């Protein structure tokens, strides 16, 4: 009896060690994958910032930008098209094509963001960026380390995002100051929540079987976090900029 008990204990310890080793291996894979995703996101943000600065400081480029409303709105439509195309066609394109589209989108965003450098003071832009970066870091950590499944929470945030978009369109015609502030504060809450949700979702991409799928997942994850960061920045700028 004593022999059997010891044998079972040893076998259980061996199985437990194997489970722990697998979990540690998975955590290592996820950590490296998340770092790669953040790398793509950081590169995209840098491209956006550099492009915005170059356009804002170039008289020739500014003239092209503001020569007609159709040019500016054409660029906005181009951004929407690229995001939609990448999201809907990601499974049918190569990871290289997806990367090129993502980086192209970040450059196009930089062109439209040049308007912000002309409309707001450097102090407000720097303060808003700092708050955005700090909030992003905290909520990314929450999404990465939390053990709670954020799927239901993410769906709620997406529904609220749809509400923010609809309200923004309505207020474009109404011009209500009250609705403006409601949209701004709700928008901040939505994108703060989406940062945590998208970070947790990216962890699942790290464990996909196919290497090509993992590469595509990294680009889609970087795009999601990039959009969260950019839109949180814009919502905060709506609030802080009005107080400048």
C-alpha atoms as a PDB file:
ATOM      1  CA  UNK A   1       0.000   0.000   0.000  1.00  0.00           C
ATOM      2  CA  UNK A   2       2.811   2.378   0.892  1.00  0.00           C
ATOM      3  CA  UNK A   3       4.547   1.649  -2.413  1.00  0.00           C
ATOM      4  CA  UNK A   4       1.430   2.404  -4.464  1.00  0.00           C
ATOM      5  CA  UNK A   5       0.783   5.667  -2.624  1.00  0.00           C
ATOM      6  CA  UNK A   6       4.311   6.919  -3.243  1.00  0.00           C
ATOM      7  CA  UNK A   7       4.139   5.904  -6.886  1.00  0.00           C
ATOM      8  CA  UNK A   8       0.869   7.808  -7.423  1.00  0.00           C
ATOM      9  CA  UNK A   9       2.278  10.861  -5.710  1.00  0.00           C
ATOM     10  CA  UNK A  10       5.366  10.816  -7.918  1.00  0.00           C
ATOM     11  CA  UNK A  11       3.229  10.439 -11.024  1.00  0.00           C
ATOM     12  CA  UNK A  12       1.011  13.354  -9.957  1.00  0.00           C
ATOM     13  CA  UNK A  13       4.050  15.524  -9.297  1.00  0.00           C
ATOM     14  CA  UNK A  14       5.428  14.653 -12.724  1.00  0.00           C
ATOM     15  CA  UNK A  15       2.137  15.548 -14.408  1.00  0.00           C
ATOM     16  CA  UNK A  16       1.927  18.777 -12.430  1.00  0.00           C
ATOM     17  CA  UNK A  17       5.467  19.713 -13.429  1.00  0.00           C
ATOM     18  CA  UNK A  18       4.565  19.124 -17.063  1.00  0.00           C
ATOM     19  CA  UNK A  19       1.491  21.347 -16.803  1.00  0.00           C
ATOM     20  CA  UNK A  20       3.523  24.094 -15.145  1.00  0.00           C
ATOM     21  CA  UNK A  21       6.236  23.836 -17.805  1.00  0.00           C
ATOM     22  CA  UNK A  22       3.638  24.090 -20.568  1.00  0.00           C
ATOM     23  CA  UNK A  23       2.018  27.101 -18.956  1.00  0.00           C
ATOM     24  CA  UNK A  24       5.373  28.814 -18.538  1.00  0.00           C
ATOM     25  CA  UNK A  25       6.222  28.062 -22.159  1.00  0.00           C
ATOM     26  CA  UNK A  26       2.894  29.515 -23.283  1.00  0.00           C
ATOM     27  CA  UNK A  27       3.428  32.614 -21.166  1.00  0.00           C
ATOM     28  CA  UNK A  28       6.821  33.113 -22.766  1.00  0.00           C
ATOM     29  CA  UNK A  29       5.357  32.769 -26.252  1.00  0.00           C
ATOM     30  CA  UNK A  30       2.563  35.207 -25.427  1.00  0.00           C
ATOM     31  CA  UNK A  31       4.958  37.755 -23.923  1.00  0.00           C
ATOM     32  CA  UNK A  32       7.203  37.711 -27.014  1.00  0.00           C
ATOM     33  CA  UNK A  33       4.177  37.918 -29.291  1.00  0.00           C
ATOM     34  CA  UNK A  34       2.693  40.871 -27.395  1.00  0.00           C
ATOM     35  CA  UNK A  35       6.050  42.644 -27.612  1.00  0.00           C
ATOM     36  CA  UNK A  36       6.018  42.121 -31.384  1.00  0.00           C
ATOM     37  CA  UNK A  37       2.487  43.513 -31.650  1.00  0.00           C
ATOM     38  CA  UNK A  38       3.468  46.575 -29.614  1.00  0.00           C
ATOM     39  CA  UNK A  39       6.479  46.992 -31.880  1.00  0.00           C
ATOM     40  CA  UNK A  40       4.260  47.201 -34.975  1.00  0.00           C
ATOM     41  CA  UNK A  41       1.916  49.585 -33.179  1.00  0.00           C
ATOM     42  CA  UNK A  42       4.802  51.820 -32.079  1.00  0.00           C
ATOM     43  CA  UNK A  43       6.175  51.894 -35.623  1.00  0.00           C
ATOM     44  CA  UNK A  44       2.753  52.923 -36.944  1.00  0.00           C
ATOM     45  CA  UNK A  45       2.458  55.702 -34.352  1.00  0.00           C
ATOM     46  CA  UNK A  46       5.921  56.960 -35.281  1.00  0.00           C
ATOM     47  CA  UNK A  47       4.987  57.015 -38.975  1.00  0.00           C
ATOM     48  CA  UNK A  48       1.813  58.922 -38.139  1.00  0.00           C
ATOM     49  CA  UNK A  49       3.663  61.486 -36.022  1.00  0.00           C
ATOM     50  CA  UNK A  50       6.476  62.032 -38.549  1.00  0.00           C
ATOM     51  CA  UNK A  51       4.040  62.332 -41.454  1.00  0.00           C
ATOM     52  CA  UNK A  52       1.861  64.814 -39.546  1.00  0.00           C
ATOM     53  CA  UNK A  53       4.909  66.941 -38.718  1.00  0.00           C
ATOM     54  CA  UNK A  54       6.207  66.929 -42.300  1.00  0.00           C
ATOM     55  CA  UNK A  55       2.843  67.937 -43.733  1.00  0.00           C
ATOM     56  CA  UNK A  56       2.211  70.618 -41.087  1.00  0.00           C
ATOM     57  CA  UNK A  57       5.635  72.217 -41.662  1.00  0.00           C
ATOM     58  CA  UNK A  58       5.504  72.110 -45.474  1.00  0.00           C
ATOM     59  CA  UNK A  59       3.761  75.025 -47.146  1.00  0.00           C
ATOM     60  CA  UNK A  60       3.372  73.099 -50.392  1.00  0.00           C
ATOM     61  CA  UNK A  61       1.762  70.115 -48.702  1.00  0.00           C
ATOM     62  CA  UNK A  62      -0.504  72.366 -46.631  1.00  0.00           C
ATOM     63  CA  UNK A  63      -1.723  74.056 -49.787  1.00  0.00           C
ATOM     64  CA  UNK A  64      -2.588  70.686 -51.279  1.00  0.00           C
ATOM     65  CA  UNK A  65      -4.336  69.622 -48.091  1.00  0.00           C
ATOM     66  CA  UNK A  66      -6.456  72.754 -47.737  1.00  0.00           C
ATOM     67  CA  UNK A  67      -6.936  73.532 -51.406  1.00  0.00           C
ATOM     68  CA  UNK A  68     -10.299  71.812 -51.325  1.00  0.00           C
ATOM     69  CA  UNK A  69     -12.581  70.141 -48.821  1.00  0.00           C
ATOM     70  CA  UNK A  70     -12.834  67.251 -51.234  1.00  0.00           C
ATOM     71  CA  UNK A  71      -9.132  66.497 -50.758  1.00  0.00           C
ATOM     72  CA  UNK A  72      -9.399  66.290 -46.979  1.00  0.00           C
ATOM     73  CA  UNK A  73     -12.623  64.292 -46.964  1.00  0.00           C
ATOM     74  CA  UNK A  74     -11.172  62.069 -49.685  1.00  0.00           C
ATOM     75  CA  UNK A  75      -8.305  61.242 -47.344  1.00  0.00           C
ATOM     76  CA  UNK A  76     -10.751  60.437 -44.538  1.00  0.00           C
ATOM     77  CA  UNK A  77     -12.713  58.154 -46.845  1.00  0.00           C
ATOM     78  CA  UNK A  78      -9.436  56.530 -47.880  1.00  0.00           C
ATOM     79  CA  UNK A  79      -8.663  55.779 -44.227  1.00  0.00           C
ATOM     80  CA  UNK A  80     -12.059  54.164 -43.693  1.00  0.00           C
ATOM     81  CA  UNK A  81     -11.633  52.136 -46.872  1.00  0.00           C
ATOM     82  CA  UNK A  82      -8.194  50.812 -45.882  1.00  0.00           C
ATOM     83  CA  UNK A  83      -9.343  49.749 -42.416  1.00  0.00           C
ATOM     84  CA  UNK A  84     -12.445  48.086 -43.790  1.00  0.00           C
ATOM     85  CA  UNK A  85     -10.535  46.375 -46.579  1.00  0.00           C
ATOM     86  CA  UNK A  86      -7.872  45.067 -44.190  1.00  0.00           C
ATOM     87  CA  UNK A  87     -10.442  43.828 -41.681  1.00  0.00           C
ATOM     88  CA  UNK A  88     -12.652  42.081 -44.226  1.00  0.00           C
ATOM     89  CA  UNK A  89      -9.917  40.661 -46.469  1.00  0.00           C
ATOM     90  CA  UNK A  90      -7.218  39.782 -43.937  1.00  0.00           C
ATOM     91  CA  UNK A  91      -7.851  36.040 -44.300  1.00  0.00           C
ATOM     92  CA  UNK A  92      -7.377  36.152 -48.062  1.00  0.00           C
ATOM     93  CA  UNK A  93      -4.184  38.233 -48.185  1.00  0.00           C
ATOM     94  CA  UNK A  94      -0.611  37.516 -47.192  1.00  0.00           C
ATOM     95  CA  UNK A  95       0.858  38.850 -43.970  1.00  0.00           C
ATOM     96  CA  UNK A  96       3.183  41.040 -46.062  1.00  0.00           C
ATOM     97  CA  UNK A  97       0.247  42.677 -47.843  1.00  0.00           C
ATOM     98  CA  UNK A  98      -1.554  43.186 -44.534  1.00  0.00           C
ATOM     99  CA  UNK A  99       1.554  44.842 -43.084  1.00  0.00           C
ATOM    100  CA  UNK A 100       1.889  47.183 -46.071  1.00  0.00           C
ATOM    101  CA  UNK A 101      -1.759  48.229 -45.820  1.00  0.00           C
ATOM    102  CA  UNK A 102      -1.443  48.819 -42.074  1.00  0.00           C
ATOM    103  CA  UNK A 103       1.632  51.000 -42.452  1.00  0.00           C
ATOM    104  CA  UNK A 104       0.047  52.822 -45.397  1.00  0.00           C
ATOM    105  CA  UNK A 105      -2.975  53.531 -43.232  1.00  0.00           C
ATOM    106  CA  UNK A 106      -0.763  54.985 -40.493  1.00  0.00           C
ATOM    107  CA  UNK A 107       0.859  57.339 -43.030  1.00  0.00           C
ATOM    108  CA  UNK A 108      -2.527  58.406 -44.368  1.00  0.00           C
ATOM    109  CA  UNK A 109      -3.664  59.067 -40.805  1.00  0.00           C
ATOM    110  CA  UNK A 110      -0.587  61.229 -40.299  1.00  0.00           C
ATOM    111  CA  UNK A 111      -1.583  63.380 -43.278  1.00  0.00           C
ATOM    112  CA  UNK A 112      -5.005  64.113 -41.782  1.00  0.00           C
ATOM    113  CA  UNK A 113      -3.540  64.508 -38.287  1.00  0.00           C
ATOM    114  CA  UNK A 114      -1.386  67.387 -39.543  1.00  0.00           C
ATOM    115  CA  UNK A 115      -4.488  69.523 -39.032  1.00  0.00           C
ATOM    116  CA  UNK A 116      -4.200  68.940 -35.286  1.00  0.00           C
ATOM    117  CA  UNK A 117      -0.672  70.358 -35.216  1.00  0.00           C
ATOM    118  CA  UNK A 118      -2.017  73.550 -36.756  1.00  0.00           C
ATOM    119  CA  UNK A 119      -5.164  73.756 -34.631  1.00  0.00           C
ATOM    120  CA  UNK A 120      -3.792  73.056 -31.149  1.00  0.00           C
ATOM    121  CA  UNK A 121      -0.861  74.354 -29.148  1.00  0.00           C
ATOM    122  CA  UNK A 122       2.185  72.092 -28.644  1.00  0.00           C
ATOM    123  CA  UNK A 123       1.526  72.146 -24.892  1.00  0.00           C
ATOM    124  CA  UNK A 124      -2.003  70.751 -25.224  1.00  0.00           C
ATOM    125  CA  UNK A 125      -0.867  68.144 -27.743  1.00  0.00           C
ATOM    126  CA  UNK A 126       1.996  67.039 -25.492  1.00  0.00           C
ATOM    127  CA  UNK A 127      -0.225  66.869 -22.394  1.00  0.00           C
ATOM    128  CA  UNK A 128      -2.896  64.923 -24.240  1.00  0.00           C
ATOM    129  CA  UNK A 129      -0.353  62.503 -25.662  1.00  0.00           C
ATOM    130  CA  UNK A 130       1.143  61.937 -22.212  1.00  0.00           C
ATOM    131  CA  UNK A 131      -2.246  61.208 -20.657  1.00  0.00           C
ATOM    132  CA  UNK A 132      -3.123  58.914 -23.546  1.00  0.00           C
ATOM    133  CA  UNK A 133       0.156  57.014 -23.295  1.00  0.00           C
ATOM    134  CA  UNK A 134      -0.154  56.595 -19.530  1.00  0.00           C
ATOM    135  CA  UNK A 135      -3.762  55.427 -19.744  1.00  0.00           C
ATOM    136  CA  UNK A 136      -2.895  53.055 -22.558  1.00  0.00           C
ATOM    137  CA  UNK A 137      -0.062  51.493 -20.541  1.00  0.00           C
ATOM    138  CA  UNK A 138      -2.265  50.946 -17.481  1.00  0.00           C
ATOM    139  CA  UNK A 139      -5.176  49.442 -19.397  1.00  0.00           C
ATOM    140  CA  UNK A 140      -2.883  47.251 -21.487  1.00  0.00           C
ATOM    141  CA  UNK A 141      -1.473  45.862 -18.248  1.00  0.00           C
ATOM    142  CA  UNK A 142      -5.011  45.233 -16.999  1.00  0.00           C
ATOM    143  CA  UNK A 143      -5.902  43.374 -20.174  1.00  0.00           C
ATOM    144  CA  UNK A 144      -2.708  41.355 -20.114  1.00  0.00           C
ATOM    145  CA  UNK A 145      -2.700  40.275 -16.480  1.00  0.00           C
ATOM    146  CA  UNK A 146      -6.402  39.926 -15.667  1.00  0.00           C
ATOM    147  CA  UNK A 147      -7.735  36.371 -15.372  1.00  0.00           C
ATOM    148  CA  UNK A 148     -11.300  37.461 -16.080  1.00  0.00           C
ATOM    149  CA  UNK A 149     -12.701  36.843 -19.554  1.00  0.00           C
ATOM    150  CA  UNK A 150     -13.379  40.270 -21.070  1.00  0.00           C
ATOM    151  CA  UNK A 151     -15.390  39.011 -24.053  1.00  0.00           C
ATOM    152  CA  UNK A 152     -18.762  40.216 -22.743  1.00  0.00           C
ATOM    153  CA  UNK A 153     -17.184  43.475 -21.619  1.00  0.00           C
ATOM    154  CA  UNK A 154     -15.693  43.963 -25.077  1.00  0.00           C
ATOM    155  CA  UNK A 155     -19.059  43.429 -26.744  1.00  0.00           C
ATOM    156  CA  UNK A 156     -20.558  46.070 -24.476  1.00  0.00           C
ATOM    157  CA  UNK A 157     -17.779  48.490 -25.421  1.00  0.00           C
ATOM    158  CA  UNK A 158     -18.388  47.812 -29.115  1.00  0.00           C
ATOM    159  CA  UNK A 159     -22.104  48.534 -28.735  1.00  0.00           C
ATOM    160  CA  UNK A 160     -21.292  51.757 -26.933  1.00  0.00           C
ATOM    161  CA  UNK A 161     -18.853  52.635 -29.719  1.00  0.00           C
ATOM    162  CA  UNK A 162     -21.645  52.282 -32.267  1.00  0.00           C
ATOM    163  CA  UNK A 163     -23.711  54.626 -30.114  1.00  0.00           C
ATOM    164  CA  UNK A 164     -20.871  57.158 -30.009  1.00  0.00           C
ATOM    165  CA  UNK A 165     -20.524  57.059 -33.799  1.00  0.00           C
ATOM    166  CA  UNK A 166     -24.256  57.539 -34.357  1.00  0.00           C
ATOM    167  CA  UNK A 167     -24.416  60.356 -31.804  1.00  0.00           C
ATOM    168  CA  UNK A 168     -21.421  62.043 -33.445  1.00  0.00           C
ATOM    169  CA  UNK A 169     -23.124  61.981 -36.834  1.00  0.00           C
ATOM    170  CA  UNK A 170     -26.327  63.388 -35.346  1.00  0.00           C
ATOM    171  CA  UNK A 171     -24.461  66.114 -33.482  1.00  0.00           C
ATOM    172  CA  UNK A 172     -22.635  67.078 -36.669  1.00  0.00           C
ATOM    173  CA  UNK A 173     -25.956  68.529 -37.810  1.00  0.00           C
ATOM    174  CA  UNK A 174     -27.329  69.565 -34.408  1.00  0.00           C
ATOM    175  CA  UNK A 175     -24.240  71.268 -33.034  1.00  0.00           C
ATOM    176  CA  UNK A 176     -25.290  70.632 -29.425  1.00  0.00           C
ATOM    177  CA  UNK A 177     -22.627  71.560 -26.858  1.00  0.00           C
ATOM    178  CA  UNK A 178     -24.167  69.221 -24.268  1.00  0.00           C
ATOM    179  CA  UNK A 179     -24.144  66.274 -26.643  1.00  0.00           C
ATOM    180  CA  UNK A 180     -20.565  67.172 -27.612  1.00  0.00           C
ATOM    181  CA  UNK A 181     -19.381  66.730 -24.031  1.00  0.00           C
ATOM    182  CA  UNK A 182     -21.388  63.555 -23.505  1.00  0.00           C
ATOM    183  CA  UNK A 183     -19.886  62.013 -26.641  1.00  0.00           C
ATOM    184  CA  UNK A 184     -16.391  63.036 -25.560  1.00  0.00           C
ATOM    185  CA  UNK A 185     -16.539  61.543 -22.074  1.00  0.00           C
ATOM    186  CA  UNK A 186     -18.362  58.393 -23.151  1.00  0.00           C
ATOM    187  CA  UNK A 187     -15.857  58.033 -25.985  1.00  0.00           C
ATOM    188  CA  UNK A 188     -12.971  58.168 -23.525  1.00  0.00           C
ATOM    189  CA  UNK A 189     -14.580  55.436 -21.416  1.00  0.00           C
ATOM    190  CA  UNK A 190     -15.211  53.266 -24.483  1.00  0.00           C
ATOM    191  CA  UNK A 191     -11.660  53.380 -25.806  1.00  0.00           C
ATOM    192  CA  UNK A 192     -10.165  52.926 -22.345  1.00  0.00           C
ATOM    193  CA  UNK A 193     -12.209  49.735 -22.048  1.00  0.00           C
ATOM    194  CA  UNK A 194     -11.341  48.566 -25.554  1.00  0.00           C
ATOM    195  CA  UNK A 195      -7.618  48.802 -24.815  1.00  0.00           C
ATOM    196  CA  UNK A 196      -7.945  46.157 -22.106  1.00  0.00           C
ATOM    197  CA  UNK A 197     -10.242  43.991 -24.228  1.00  0.00           C
ATOM    198  CA  UNK A 198      -8.075  44.124 -27.359  1.00  0.00           C
ATOM    199  CA  UNK A 199      -4.928  43.373 -25.351  1.00  0.00           C
ATOM    200  CA  UNK A 200      -6.487  40.234 -23.923  1.00  0.00           C
ATOM    201  CA  UNK A 201      -7.755  39.187 -27.362  1.00  0.00           C
ATOM    202  CA  UNK A 202      -4.244  39.487 -28.834  1.00  0.00           C
ATOM    203  CA  UNK A 203      -2.997  36.881 -26.380  1.00  0.00           C
ATOM    204  CA  UNK A 204      -5.157  34.319 -28.178  1.00  0.00           C
ATOM    205  CA  UNK A 205      -3.471  35.063 -31.508  1.00  0.00           C
ATOM    206  CA  UNK A 206      -0.111  34.063 -30.051  1.00  0.00           C
ATOM    207  CA  UNK A 207      -1.199  30.435 -29.717  1.00  0.00           C
ATOM    208  CA  UNK A 208      -2.586  29.969 -33.230  1.00  0.00           C
ATOM    209  CA  UNK A 209      -1.180  26.897 -34.972  1.00  0.00           C
ATOM    210  CA  UNK A 210      -0.171  28.403 -38.327  1.00  0.00           C
ATOM    211  CA  UNK A 211       2.759  30.837 -38.446  1.00  0.00           C
ATOM    212  CA  UNK A 212       1.094  32.876 -41.197  1.00  0.00           C
ATOM    213  CA  UNK A 213      -2.038  33.228 -39.073  1.00  0.00           C
ATOM    214  CA  UNK A 214       0.061  34.420 -36.130  1.00  0.00           C
ATOM    215  CA  UNK A 215       1.687  37.053 -38.346  1.00  0.00           C
ATOM    216  CA  UNK A 216      -1.689  38.263 -39.560  1.00  0.00           C
ATOM    217  CA  UNK A 217      -2.959  38.251 -35.988  1.00  0.00           C
ATOM    218  CA  UNK A 218      -0.048  40.441 -34.955  1.00  0.00           C
ATOM    219  CA  UNK A 219      -0.937  43.013 -37.613  1.00  0.00           C
ATOM    220  CA  UNK A 220      -4.631  42.970 -36.734  1.00  0.00           C
ATOM    221  CA  UNK A 221      -3.757  43.252 -33.052  1.00  0.00           C
ATOM    222  CA  UNK A 222      -1.429  46.179 -33.741  1.00  0.00           C
ATOM    223  CA  UNK A 223      -4.161  47.843 -35.811  1.00  0.00           C
ATOM    224  CA  UNK A 224      -6.719  47.406 -33.018  1.00  0.00           C
ATOM    225  CA  UNK A 225      -4.397  48.899 -30.395  1.00  0.00           C
ATOM    226  CA  UNK A 226      -3.320  51.655 -32.782  1.00  0.00           C
ATOM    227  CA  UNK A 227      -6.958  52.634 -33.362  1.00  0.00           C
ATOM    228  CA  UNK A 228      -7.642  52.514 -29.618  1.00  0.00           C
ATOM    229  CA  UNK A 229      -4.684  54.806 -28.944  1.00  0.00           C
ATOM    230  CA  UNK A 230      -5.487  57.239 -31.754  1.00  0.00           C
ATOM    231  CA  UNK A 231      -9.165  57.521 -30.894  1.00  0.00           C
ATOM    232  CA  UNK A 232      -8.518  57.880 -27.159  1.00  0.00           C
ATOM    233  CA  UNK A 233      -6.083  60.678 -28.022  1.00  0.00           C
ATOM    234  CA  UNK A 234      -8.730  62.391 -30.146  1.00  0.00           C
ATOM    235  CA  UNK A 235     -11.415  62.082 -27.464  1.00  0.00           C
ATOM    236  CA  UNK A 236      -9.116  63.488 -24.803  1.00  0.00           C
ATOM    237  CA  UNK A 237      -8.111  66.288 -27.160  1.00  0.00           C
ATOM    238  CA  UNK A 238     -11.790  67.183 -27.589  1.00  0.00           C
ATOM    239  CA  UNK A 239     -11.950  67.682 -23.822  1.00  0.00           C
ATOM    240  CA  UNK A 240      -8.575  69.259 -23.072  1.00  0.00           C
ATOM    241  CA  UNK A 241      -8.471  71.312 -26.258  1.00  0.00           C
ATOM    242  CA  UNK A 242     -11.717  73.067 -25.470  1.00  0.00           C
ATOM    243  CA  UNK A 243     -10.163  74.205 -22.167  1.00  0.00           C
ATOM    244  CA  UNK A 244      -7.033  75.595 -23.783  1.00  0.00           C
END
